[in-house]
C-alpha cells in the first residue's frame, strides 16, 4: 500500500513544522514526518534517528506517532523522552546520529506544537522542509521497512557534560531560575544541586498548561516573577527559559532586564580574552553597539540572517565560536557543539558574573547606550510581505541609501539604523530602529514609516521603546 499524506501548507515553516494541534497539526502529520524524514535519512545512507519531546500536553501522542512513522521507514529510533531541545541536540551529537527530531511548540501558545529536525547534526530547514511535504503528497517515501526502537536515558550524561567545562566560581552566586513550567524543569532541578552558591528554582514542574506565565523570556511581562524574586532575595541575577530551553532571558541584580544583544556583548568580551580574533555572529536585528564592541575587543563581527537554523549554518561556514540573536538564542562553539543551548549559555554567564569585581548591574550600566525601539511585528499577508521588502529595497537603491540586504533591509544613516524584514514564521513584517539620541530615533522611525506608507502597509506603533542600550 502506497503511503500518501497532505500537510496543511501553513504548517511547513522556514525553520520547523508546526501548527495548532487538532487543526493544522496532529498525530497523522507526526507519522508522516517520521515516514518522510526517515526516508531522507535512509537516502543519505543513515539509519539512526533520535527523538525527544517537550512538556506540552500534546507532545507524548505526537512523539508516539512520529516514532511509528520513522520505524516504518526502517529507522533505528532512539527515544530520549521529555526534556529540553538542546538535550536532543546533545544526544544526537554524542551518538553521531544520522537524524534527530524534537517534538516542541517552543514558546508558542499551549495549543500549538511542532517539530524541529536535524540531519547529520546540521539544521534541516527551508527547502528541505518543503521537500518533505512533496514526498508525502506524492507517496515518494520508499517501501515500508521494519525499524527498531530503544529508550536511552541521557539526562545524567547531558548534565555531566554541561558541568564539565566550568572553570570554577571566584565567588558563589545567589541565582533565581525560572523554568516557566517548560521542558527545562527536570534537568535544571538536578543541575543546580551540583552548582556552588544559592539557587532558587521557580516553576520547575513541567506543565503544558503553563500556569505561572507563558514561557517566552523575550516578553517583559513573562519576566515579572523572576524580577520580583531577584529583588526579594537580593540575588546576583535571574535567568528564565523558554518552553524548550533553547532561549534565555536574563535580569541583573537590580531586576533590570538585559537585552539579548547586551548578553551577547558580555559573553563575547569574555570569550575573546581566550580567543583573540575569533569570529562572532549576531543577527541583523542586533544593536550596532554590539558589532562595534566586538571589534573593539579584538574580535571579528559578522552580521547574519535571523533564525536559529540560519545562525548554526553560518557558524559552521565561518568557524565562528559564538553567535547570538535578539530572540535569546545563544550559540557556543567554544568548548561546546555550536547549537543553541540556554542551559549552557546560562552556565557560561555564571562563570563571567562570578569573576566580576562588582555586580552585573554595573556592567549593564557601563555598556554603550543608544535609544531604540523594541522588535516590532505587524501583520502583513504571506503573499505580500516579501513584495513589500522588494519595493522598499528598490526605492532605497534608487535613493542611494546605505543598505545591508542579507535579510530584508537594514539602512544605516548618521543617526543610526532602521530595519525592515519579512518574518519567516508568521504573516508579518518585523521592524526595529536604533538612534544615537531620541531625536535621531524619531527621524529614523519617520523614514521607516514613510517607506511603509508608500507600500500601503499599516504603520506600527513606535510609542513604546525598548530599554536604552
Protein backbone atom coordinates (compact mmCIF):
# COMPACT_ATOMS: atom_id res chain seq x y z
CA UNK A 1 0.00 0.00 0.00
CA UNK A 2 1.40 3.40 -1.01
CA UNK A 3 1.59 5.94 1.78
CA UNK A 4 0.42 9.46 0.96
CA UNK A 5 -0.30 12.44 3.17
CA UNK A 6 -1.04 16.11 2.67
CA UNK A 7 0.19 18.57 5.30
CA UNK A 8 -1.67 21.76 5.97
CA UNK A 9 0.53 24.15 3.94
CA UNK A 10 0.68 26.64 6.82
CA UNK A 11 2.46 24.05 8.97
CA UNK A 12 5.54 23.76 6.73
CA UNK A 13 7.56 26.73 8.01
CA UNK A 14 11.05 28.01 7.28
CA UNK A 15 12.76 26.54 10.36
CA UNK A 16 10.35 23.85 11.55
CA UNK A 17 6.97 22.19 11.07
CA UNK A 18 4.32 23.48 13.44
CA UNK A 19 0.71 24.46 13.86
CA UNK A 20 -2.38 24.35 16.05
CA UNK A 21 -3.00 20.88 17.45
CA UNK A 22 -6.22 19.37 16.14
CA UNK A 23 -6.49 21.95 13.37
CA UNK A 24 -3.29 22.15 11.34
CA UNK A 25 -1.11 19.57 13.10
CA UNK A 26 -1.86 16.18 14.64
CA UNK A 27 -0.67 12.57 15.07
CA UNK A 28 -1.22 11.76 11.39
CA UNK A 29 1.16 14.60 10.49
CA UNK A 30 3.66 13.35 13.05
CA UNK A 31 3.57 9.88 11.48
CA UNK A 32 4.09 11.42 8.03
CA UNK A 33 7.07 13.41 9.27
CA UNK A 34 8.66 10.29 10.68
CA UNK A 35 7.92 8.38 7.48
CA UNK A 36 9.29 11.03 5.10
CA UNK A 37 12.24 12.16 7.20
CA UNK A 38 13.22 8.53 7.78
CA UNK A 39 13.32 8.08 4.02
CA UNK A 40 15.54 11.16 3.69
CA UNK A 41 17.91 9.75 6.31
CA UNK A 42 17.97 6.37 4.53
CA UNK A 43 18.67 8.09 1.22
CA UNK A 44 21.60 9.83 2.89
CA UNK A 45 22.97 6.43 3.90
CA UNK A 46 21.82 6.65 7.51
CA UNK A 47 19.67 4.56 9.80
CA UNK A 48 19.60 6.13 13.29
CA UNK A 49 17.15 8.84 14.38
CA UNK A 50 17.00 10.31 17.88
CA UNK A 51 13.59 11.57 19.02
CA UNK A 52 12.66 13.69 22.04
CA UNK A 53 9.71 15.79 23.14
CA UNK A 54 8.87 18.76 25.35
CA UNK A 55 6.31 19.12 28.14
CA UNK A 56 3.27 20.15 26.13
CA UNK A 57 0.08 18.20 26.66
CA UNK A 58 0.01 17.00 23.05
CA UNK A 59 3.71 16.09 22.83
CA UNK A 60 3.56 12.44 24.06
CA UNK A 61 0.94 11.43 21.47
CA UNK A 62 2.76 13.25 18.69
CA UNK A 63 6.03 11.60 19.73
CA UNK A 64 4.48 8.12 19.59
CA UNK A 65 3.14 8.70 16.08
CA UNK A 66 6.46 10.19 14.99
CA UNK A 67 8.34 7.12 16.24
CA UNK A 68 5.96 4.81 14.39
CA UNK A 69 6.48 6.71 11.16
CA UNK A 70 10.26 6.67 11.48
CA UNK A 71 10.26 2.95 12.22
CA UNK A 72 8.10 2.34 9.15
CA UNK A 73 10.97 3.78 7.11
CA UNK A 74 13.35 1.23 8.61
CA UNK A 75 14.93 3.61 11.12
CA UNK A 76 16.59 2.57 14.36
CA UNK A 77 14.87 5.05 16.67
CA UNK A 78 16.45 6.20 19.93
CA UNK A 79 13.85 7.73 22.26
CA UNK A 80 15.23 10.10 24.90
CA UNK A 81 11.91 11.13 26.44
CA UNK A 82 10.87 14.53 27.75
CA UNK A 83 13.45 17.29 28.07
CA UNK A 84 14.91 20.44 26.53
CA UNK A 85 15.56 20.71 22.80
CA UNK A 86 19.33 21.16 23.36
CA UNK A 87 19.37 17.82 25.19
CA UNK A 88 18.19 16.25 21.92
CA UNK A 89 20.97 18.07 20.04
CA UNK A 90 23.46 16.79 22.62
CA UNK A 91 22.23 13.21 22.31
CA UNK A 92 22.42 13.39 18.53
CA UNK A 93 25.97 14.71 18.67
CA UNK A 94 27.11 12.14 21.23
CA UNK A 95 25.62 9.24 19.29
CA UNK A 96 26.71 10.71 15.94
CA UNK A 97 23.14 10.06 14.88
CA UNK A 98 22.06 10.30 11.27
CA UNK A 99 19.00 12.35 12.15
CA UNK A 100 17.11 13.85 15.09
CA UNK A 101 13.61 15.22 15.64
CA UNK A 102 12.30 17.22 18.58
CA UNK A 103 8.58 17.48 19.24
CA UNK A 104 8.20 21.00 20.61
CA UNK A 105 5.99 24.05 20.48
CA UNK A 106 8.86 26.17 21.81
CA UNK A 107 7.43 29.48 23.06
CA UNK A 108 4.14 29.30 21.18
CA UNK A 109 0.65 29.12 22.79
CA UNK A 110 -0.28 25.94 24.71
CA UNK A 111 -2.46 24.56 21.90
CA UNK A 112 0.39 24.78 19.40
CA UNK A 113 3.09 22.18 18.75
CA UNK A 114 5.66 21.29 16.14
CA UNK A 115 8.85 19.54 15.09
CA UNK A 116 12.48 20.68 14.82
CA UNK A 117 14.63 18.49 12.58
CA UNK A 118 18.34 17.77 12.32
CA UNK A 119 20.08 15.82 9.55
CA UNK A 120 23.62 14.57 10.27
CA UNK A 121 23.87 17.12 13.12
CA UNK A 122 23.12 20.01 10.78
CA UNK A 123 19.88 22.06 10.68
CA UNK A 124 17.19 20.70 8.38
CA UNK A 125 15.18 23.70 7.20
CA UNK A 126 13.92 25.88 4.35
CA UNK A 127 13.55 23.99 1.04
CA UNK A 128 14.33 20.72 2.82
CA UNK A 129 11.11 21.01 4.81
CA UNK A 130 9.13 21.72 1.65
CA UNK A 131 10.60 18.56 0.13
CA UNK A 132 9.10 16.52 2.98
CA UNK A 133 5.70 17.90 2.06
CA UNK A 134 6.20 16.98 -1.60
CA UNK A 135 7.37 13.48 -0.69
CA UNK A 136 4.31 12.86 1.46
CA UNK A 137 1.88 14.24 -1.12
CA UNK A 138 3.30 12.11 -3.96
CA UNK A 139 3.92 8.99 -1.92
CA UNK A 140 7.64 9.13 -2.66
CA UNK A 141 8.66 7.68 0.69
CA UNK A 142 10.12 4.30 -0.22
CA UNK A 143 8.87 0.86 0.72
CA UNK A 144 7.68 0.07 4.23
CA UNK A 145 10.55 -1.41 6.24
CA UNK A 146 10.53 -2.63 9.84
CA UNK A 147 12.67 -0.49 12.11
CA UNK A 148 13.67 -0.76 15.76
CA UNK A 149 13.24 1.37 18.85
CA UNK A 150 15.02 1.71 22.16
CA UNK A 151 14.87 4.13 25.07
CA UNK A 152 18.01 5.93 26.21
CA UNK A 153 18.35 7.93 29.42
CA UNK A 154 20.57 10.93 28.60
CA UNK A 155 19.77 13.49 31.33
CA UNK A 156 22.69 12.41 33.51
CA UNK A 157 25.21 12.47 30.67
CA UNK A 158 23.87 15.83 29.48
CA UNK A 159 24.21 17.38 32.93
CA UNK A 160 27.71 15.94 33.33
CA UNK A 161 28.70 17.49 30.01
CA UNK A 162 27.16 20.85 30.89
CA UNK A 163 29.26 20.96 34.03
CA UNK A 164 32.49 19.56 32.61
CA UNK A 165 33.91 22.80 31.24
CA UNK A 166 33.09 25.01 34.22
CA UNK A 167 36.18 26.83 35.39
CA UNK A 168 35.08 27.31 38.97
CA UNK A 169 33.42 30.29 40.57
CA UNK A 170 35.59 33.04 42.02
CA UNK A 171 32.69 33.73 44.36
CA UNK A 172 29.49 31.74 44.97
CA UNK A 173 26.39 33.30 43.45
CA UNK A 174 22.79 33.70 44.50
CA UNK A 175 20.73 32.88 41.41
CA UNK A 176 17.00 32.79 40.64
CA UNK A 177 15.97 30.43 37.85
CA UNK A 178 12.57 30.39 36.13
CA UNK A 179 11.71 27.35 34.03
CA UNK A 180 8.26 28.70 33.16
CA UNK A 181 6.85 25.14 33.60
CA UNK A 182 8.67 24.28 30.38
CA UNK A 183 10.91 21.38 29.41
CA UNK A 184 13.96 22.65 31.33
CA UNK A 185 12.43 21.84 34.73
CA UNK A 186 13.70 18.34 35.47
CA UNK A 187 17.20 18.88 34.08
CA UNK A 188 17.68 22.24 35.78
CA UNK A 189 16.47 20.93 39.15
CA UNK A 190 19.18 18.26 39.01
CA UNK A 191 21.79 20.64 37.62
CA UNK A 192 21.58 23.30 40.33
CA UNK A 193 22.20 20.72 43.07
CA UNK A 194 25.73 20.44 41.71
CA UNK A 195 26.41 24.17 41.47
CA UNK A 196 28.06 26.23 44.22
CA UNK A 197 26.14 29.09 45.77
CA UNK A 198 22.43 29.51 46.39
CA UNK A 199 19.89 28.57 43.73
CA UNK A 200 16.13 29.07 43.83
CA UNK A 201 14.14 27.45 41.02
CA UNK A 202 10.73 28.80 40.06
CA UNK A 203 8.07 26.89 38.10
CA UNK A 204 10.16 23.73 37.78
CA UNK A 205 7.18 21.39 37.38
CA UNK A 206 6.75 20.58 33.69
CA UNK A 207 3.16 21.53 32.93
CA UNK A 208 1.80 22.11 29.43
CA UNK A 209 -0.89 24.42 30.79
CA UNK A 210 1.90 26.91 31.73
CA UNK A 211 0.03 28.05 34.85
CA UNK A 212 2.58 30.63 36.05
CA UNK A 213 3.09 32.57 32.83
CA UNK A 214 3.78 31.98 29.16
CA UNK A 215 7.31 30.57 28.57
CA UNK A 216 8.75 33.32 26.39
CA UNK A 217 11.51 35.32 28.12
CA UNK A 218 11.66 37.96 25.39
CA UNK A 219 8.38 39.43 26.64
CA UNK A 220 8.94 41.61 29.77
CA UNK A 221 5.59 40.58 31.28
CA UNK A 222 6.83 36.98 31.46
CA UNK A 223 9.89 38.06 33.49
CA UNK A 224 8.00 39.82 36.27
CA UNK A 225 8.05 36.79 38.57
CA UNK A 226 11.81 36.28 38.28
CA UNK A 227 12.38 40.05 38.65
CA UNK A 228 10.37 40.11 41.88
CA UNK A 229 12.27 37.08 43.22
CA UNK A 230 15.67 38.62 42.40
CA UNK A 231 14.75 41.78 44.27
CA UNK A 232 13.23 39.90 47.18
CA UNK A 233 16.25 37.60 47.62
CA UNK A 234 18.82 40.25 46.68
CA UNK A 235 20.12 37.75 44.17
CA UNK A 236 23.06 38.30 41.83
CA UNK A 237 20.95 37.62 38.75
CA UNK A 238 17.89 35.84 37.40
CA UNK A 239 17.65 33.54 34.38
CA UNK A 240 14.47 32.45 32.58
CA UNK A 241 13.97 29.88 29.83
CA UNK A 242 11.52 29.47 27.01
CA UNK A 243 9.34 26.39 26.60
CA UNK A 244 12.05 24.11 25.21
CA UNK A 245 15.09 25.82 26.79
CA UNK A 246 16.95 26.82 23.66
CA UNK A 247 16.45 30.54 24.51
CA UNK A 248 17.01 32.51 27.69
CA UNK A 249 16.27 35.85 29.26
CA UNK A 250 18.42 37.50 31.95
CA UNK A 251 17.81 40.10 34.64
CA UNK A 252 20.59 41.69 36.69
CA UNK A 253 20.89 42.10 40.45
CA UNK A 254 18.57 45.15 40.42
CA UNK A 255 15.89 43.29 38.46
CA UNK A 256 16.59 45.19 35.24
CA UNK A 257 16.34 43.18 32.00
CA UNK A 258 19.46 42.60 29.92
CA UNK A 259 18.57 42.58 26.25
CA UNK A 260 19.81 39.54 24.35
CA UNK A 261 22.37 41.56 22.40
CA UNK A 262 23.71 43.04 25.64
CA UNK A 263 24.11 39.49 26.94
CA UNK A 264 25.94 38.53 23.74
CA UNK A 265 28.26 41.51 24.19
CA UNK A 266 29.16 40.45 27.75
CA UNK A 267 29.79 36.84 26.70
CA UNK A 268 31.78 37.94 23.65
CA UNK A 269 34.11 40.15 25.65
CA UNK A 270 34.88 37.28 27.99
CA UNK A 271 35.42 34.69 25.25
CA UNK A 272 37.68 36.98 23.23
CA UNK A 273 40.17 37.07 26.10
CA UNK A 274 40.88 33.40 25.35
CA UNK A 275 40.34 33.59 21.59
CA UNK A 276 41.50 36.95 20.22
CA UNK A 277 40.45 37.47 16.64
CA UNK A 278 37.58 34.97 16.82
CA UNK A 279 34.53 35.44 14.61
CA UNK A 280 31.31 36.25 16.45
CA UNK A 281 27.96 36.33 14.64
CA UNK A 282 24.93 38.42 15.56
CA UNK A 283 21.64 38.62 13.71
CA UNK A 284 20.56 41.61 11.67
CA UNK A 285 18.27 42.89 14.45
CA UNK A 286 21.24 43.37 16.79
CA UNK A 287 22.42 46.77 18.03
CA UNK A 288 25.30 48.35 16.12
CA UNK A 289 26.92 48.77 19.54
CA UNK A 290 27.48 45.02 19.67
CA UNK A 291 29.34 44.85 16.37
CA UNK A 292 31.45 47.86 17.35
CA UNK A 293 32.23 46.37 20.75
CA UNK A 294 33.26 43.01 19.26
CA UNK A 295 35.71 44.87 17.02
CA UNK A 296 36.99 46.97 19.94
CA UNK A 297 37.51 43.78 21.98
CA UNK A 298 39.63 42.20 19.23
CA UNK A 299 37.02 40.03 17.55
CA UNK A 300 35.68 39.73 14.02
CA UNK A 301 31.98 40.67 13.96
CA UNK A 302 29.67 39.11 11.39
CA UNK A 303 26.10 40.24 10.75
CA UNK A 304 23.77 37.50 9.54
CA UNK A 305 20.19 36.47 8.94
CA UNK A 306 17.78 35.91 11.81
CA UNK A 307 16.72 32.35 12.61
CA UNK A 308 18.40 29.63 14.67
CA UNK A 309 18.91 27.39 11.62
CA UNK A 310 20.47 30.24 9.66
CA UNK A 311 22.81 31.06 12.52
CA UNK A 312 24.00 27.49 13.06
CA UNK A 313 24.63 27.06 9.35
CA UNK A 314 26.61 30.32 9.18
CA UNK A 315 28.67 29.31 12.22
CA UNK A 316 29.69 26.09 10.50
CA UNK A 317 30.60 28.01 7.34
CA UNK A 318 32.70 30.65 9.09
CA UNK A 319 34.16 28.72 12.02
CA UNK A 320 32.64 31.27 14.42
CA UNK A 321 32.98 30.42 18.11
CA UNK A 322 29.95 32.36 19.34
CA UNK A 323 26.69 33.69 17.92
CA UNK A 324 23.52 35.23 19.24
CA UNK A 325 20.11 36.51 18.26
CA UNK A 326 17.82 39.17 19.69
CA UNK A 327 15.32 36.37 20.32
CA UNK A 328 17.58 34.94 23.04
CA UNK A 329 19.24 32.09 21.14
CA UNK A 330 22.93 31.89 22.13
CA UNK A 331 25.24 29.51 20.25
CA UNK A 332 28.64 28.44 21.59
CA UNK A 333 31.18 26.54 19.52
CA UNK A 334 33.89 27.40 22.06
CA UNK A 335 34.06 24.28 24.24
CA UNK A 336 30.54 23.35 23.07
CA UNK A 337 28.85 21.95 19.96
CA UNK A 338 27.67 25.07 18.12
CA UNK A 339 23.98 24.61 18.83
CA UNK A 340 21.68 26.92 20.78
CA UNK A 341 21.56 25.79 24.40
CA UNK A 342 20.13 28.15 27.00
CA UNK A 343 21.33 25.99 29.89
CA UNK A 344 24.91 26.02 28.66
CA UNK A 345 24.78 29.76 27.91
CA UNK A 346 23.49 30.33 31.44
CA UNK A 347 26.43 28.44 32.94
CA UNK A 348 28.88 30.45 30.84
CA UNK A 349 27.22 33.61 32.13
CA UNK A 350 27.56 32.41 35.74
CA UNK A 351 31.27 31.92 35.14
CA UNK A 352 31.54 35.51 33.93
CA UNK A 353 29.46 37.03 36.74
CA UNK A 354 31.35 35.11 39.45
CA UNK A 355 34.59 36.75 38.26
CA UNK A 356 33.27 40.30 38.16
CA UNK A 357 34.69 42.85 40.59
CA UNK A 358 31.21 44.31 41.05
CA UNK A 359 27.58 43.44 40.34
CA UNK A 360 26.15 42.59 36.92
CA UNK A 361 24.14 45.82 37.00
CA UNK A 362 27.39 47.81 36.96
CA UNK A 363 28.39 46.05 33.74
CA UNK A 364 24.99 46.78 32.21
CA UNK A 365 25.17 50.47 33.13
CA UNK A 366 28.68 50.74 31.66
CA UNK A 367 27.65 49.37 28.26
CA UNK A 368 27.45 51.96 25.46
CA UNK A 369 23.97 53.50 25.36
CA UNK A 370 21.69 54.19 22.41
CA UNK A 371 17.94 54.72 22.08
CA UNK A 372 15.99 52.04 20.27
CA UNK A 373 12.56 50.65 19.52
CA UNK A 374 11.66 47.13 20.55
CA UNK A 375 11.33 44.49 17.88
CA UNK A 376 8.03 45.41 16.24
CA UNK A 377 5.90 42.81 14.47
CA UNK A 378 2.86 43.88 12.49
CA UNK A 379 0.51 41.95 10.21
CA UNK A 380 1.23 41.59 6.52
CA UNK A 381 -0.16 38.74 4.36
CA UNK A 382 2.30 36.00 3.43
CA UNK A 383 1.63 36.69 -0.25
CA UNK A 384 2.50 40.36 0.22
CA UNK A 385 5.28 40.61 2.81
CA UNK A 386 8.25 39.79 0.54
CA UNK A 387 6.91 42.12 -2.15
CA UNK A 388 6.88 44.96 0.38
CA UNK A 389 10.54 44.30 1.18
CA UNK A 390 11.40 44.25 -2.54
CA UNK A 391 9.57 47.55 -3.14
CA UNK A 392 11.32 49.26 -0.23
CA UNK A 393 14.71 47.88 -1.34
CA UNK A 394 14.21 49.23 -4.87
CA UNK A 395 13.33 52.70 -3.62
CA UNK A 396 16.32 52.73 -1.28
CA UNK A 397 18.66 51.67 -4.06
CA UNK A 398 17.33 54.44 -6.30
CA UNK A 399 17.88 56.93 -3.48
CA UNK A 400 21.48 55.79 -2.97
CA UNK A 401 20.93 54.71 0.65
CA UNK A 402 23.46 52.65 2.59
CA UNK A 403 21.73 49.27 2.86
CA UNK A 404 22.58 45.78 4.12
CA UNK A 405 20.25 43.35 2.35
CA UNK A 406 21.25 39.95 3.73
CA UNK A 407 17.83 39.64 5.46
CA UNK A 408 15.35 42.32 4.45
CA UNK A 409 16.82 45.83 4.50
CA UNK A 410 18.93 47.42 7.23
CA UNK A 411 19.51 51.09 6.45
CA UNK A 412 22.42 52.97 8.04
CA UNK A 413 22.47 56.76 8.38
CA UNK A 414 24.42 59.24 10.55
CA UNK A 415 21.51 59.00 13.00
CA UNK A 416 21.80 55.21 13.42
CA UNK A 417 19.91 52.48 11.58
CA UNK A 418 16.49 51.02 10.85
CA UNK A 419 15.50 47.52 9.79
CA UNK A 420 12.59 46.04 7.90
CA UNK A 421 12.37 42.33 7.17
CA UNK A 422 9.73 39.70 6.45
CA UNK A 423 9.10 37.16 9.19
CA UNK A 424 9.89 33.60 8.13
CA UNK A 425 7.49 32.14 10.69
CA UNK A 426 4.45 34.47 10.64
CA UNK A 427 2.34 36.55 8.25
CA UNK A 428 4.05 39.71 9.43
CA UNK A 429 6.79 42.23 8.88
CA UNK A 430 9.44 42.95 11.50
CA UNK A 431 10.93 46.38 12.15
CA UNK A 432 13.45 47.88 14.53
CA UNK A 433 15.33 51.16 14.74
CA UNK A 434 18.23 52.43 16.86
CA UNK A 435 19.42 56.02 17.13
CA UNK A 436 22.19 57.88 18.87
CA UNK A 437 19.62 60.17 20.53
CA UNK A 438 15.84 60.38 20.85
CA UNK A 439 15.71 62.98 18.09
CA UNK A 440 17.79 60.72 15.85
CA UNK A 441 15.50 57.78 16.58
CA UNK A 442 12.46 59.89 15.71
CA UNK A 443 13.97 60.70 12.31
CA UNK A 444 14.77 57.04 11.67
CA UNK A 445 11.29 55.83 12.56
CA UNK A 446 9.78 58.59 10.40
CA UNK A 447 11.84 57.38 7.44
CA UNK A 448 10.78 53.80 8.03
CA UNK A 449 7.14 54.79 8.43
CA UNK A 450 7.27 56.75 5.17
CA UNK A 451 8.60 53.71 3.31
CA UNK A 452 5.85 51.50 4.74
CA UNK A 453 3.19 54.03 3.83
CA UNK A 454 4.42 54.13 0.21
CA UNK A 455 3.83 50.37 0.07
CA UNK A 456 0.37 50.68 1.60
CA UNK A 457 1.21 48.93 4.88
CA UNK A 458 -0.45 49.83 8.19
CA UNK A 459 2.11 51.66 10.26
CA UNK A 460 3.38 50.12 13.51
CA UNK A 461 3.17 51.95 16.82
CA UNK A 462 6.59 53.24 17.84
CA UNK A 463 5.41 54.84 21.08
CA UNK A 464 6.77 52.10 23.37
CA UNK A 465 10.54 51.93 23.27
CA UNK A 466 12.87 49.22 24.48
CA UNK A 467 15.24 49.97 27.36
CA UNK A 468 18.16 52.03 26.05
CA UNK A 469 21.42 50.23 25.30
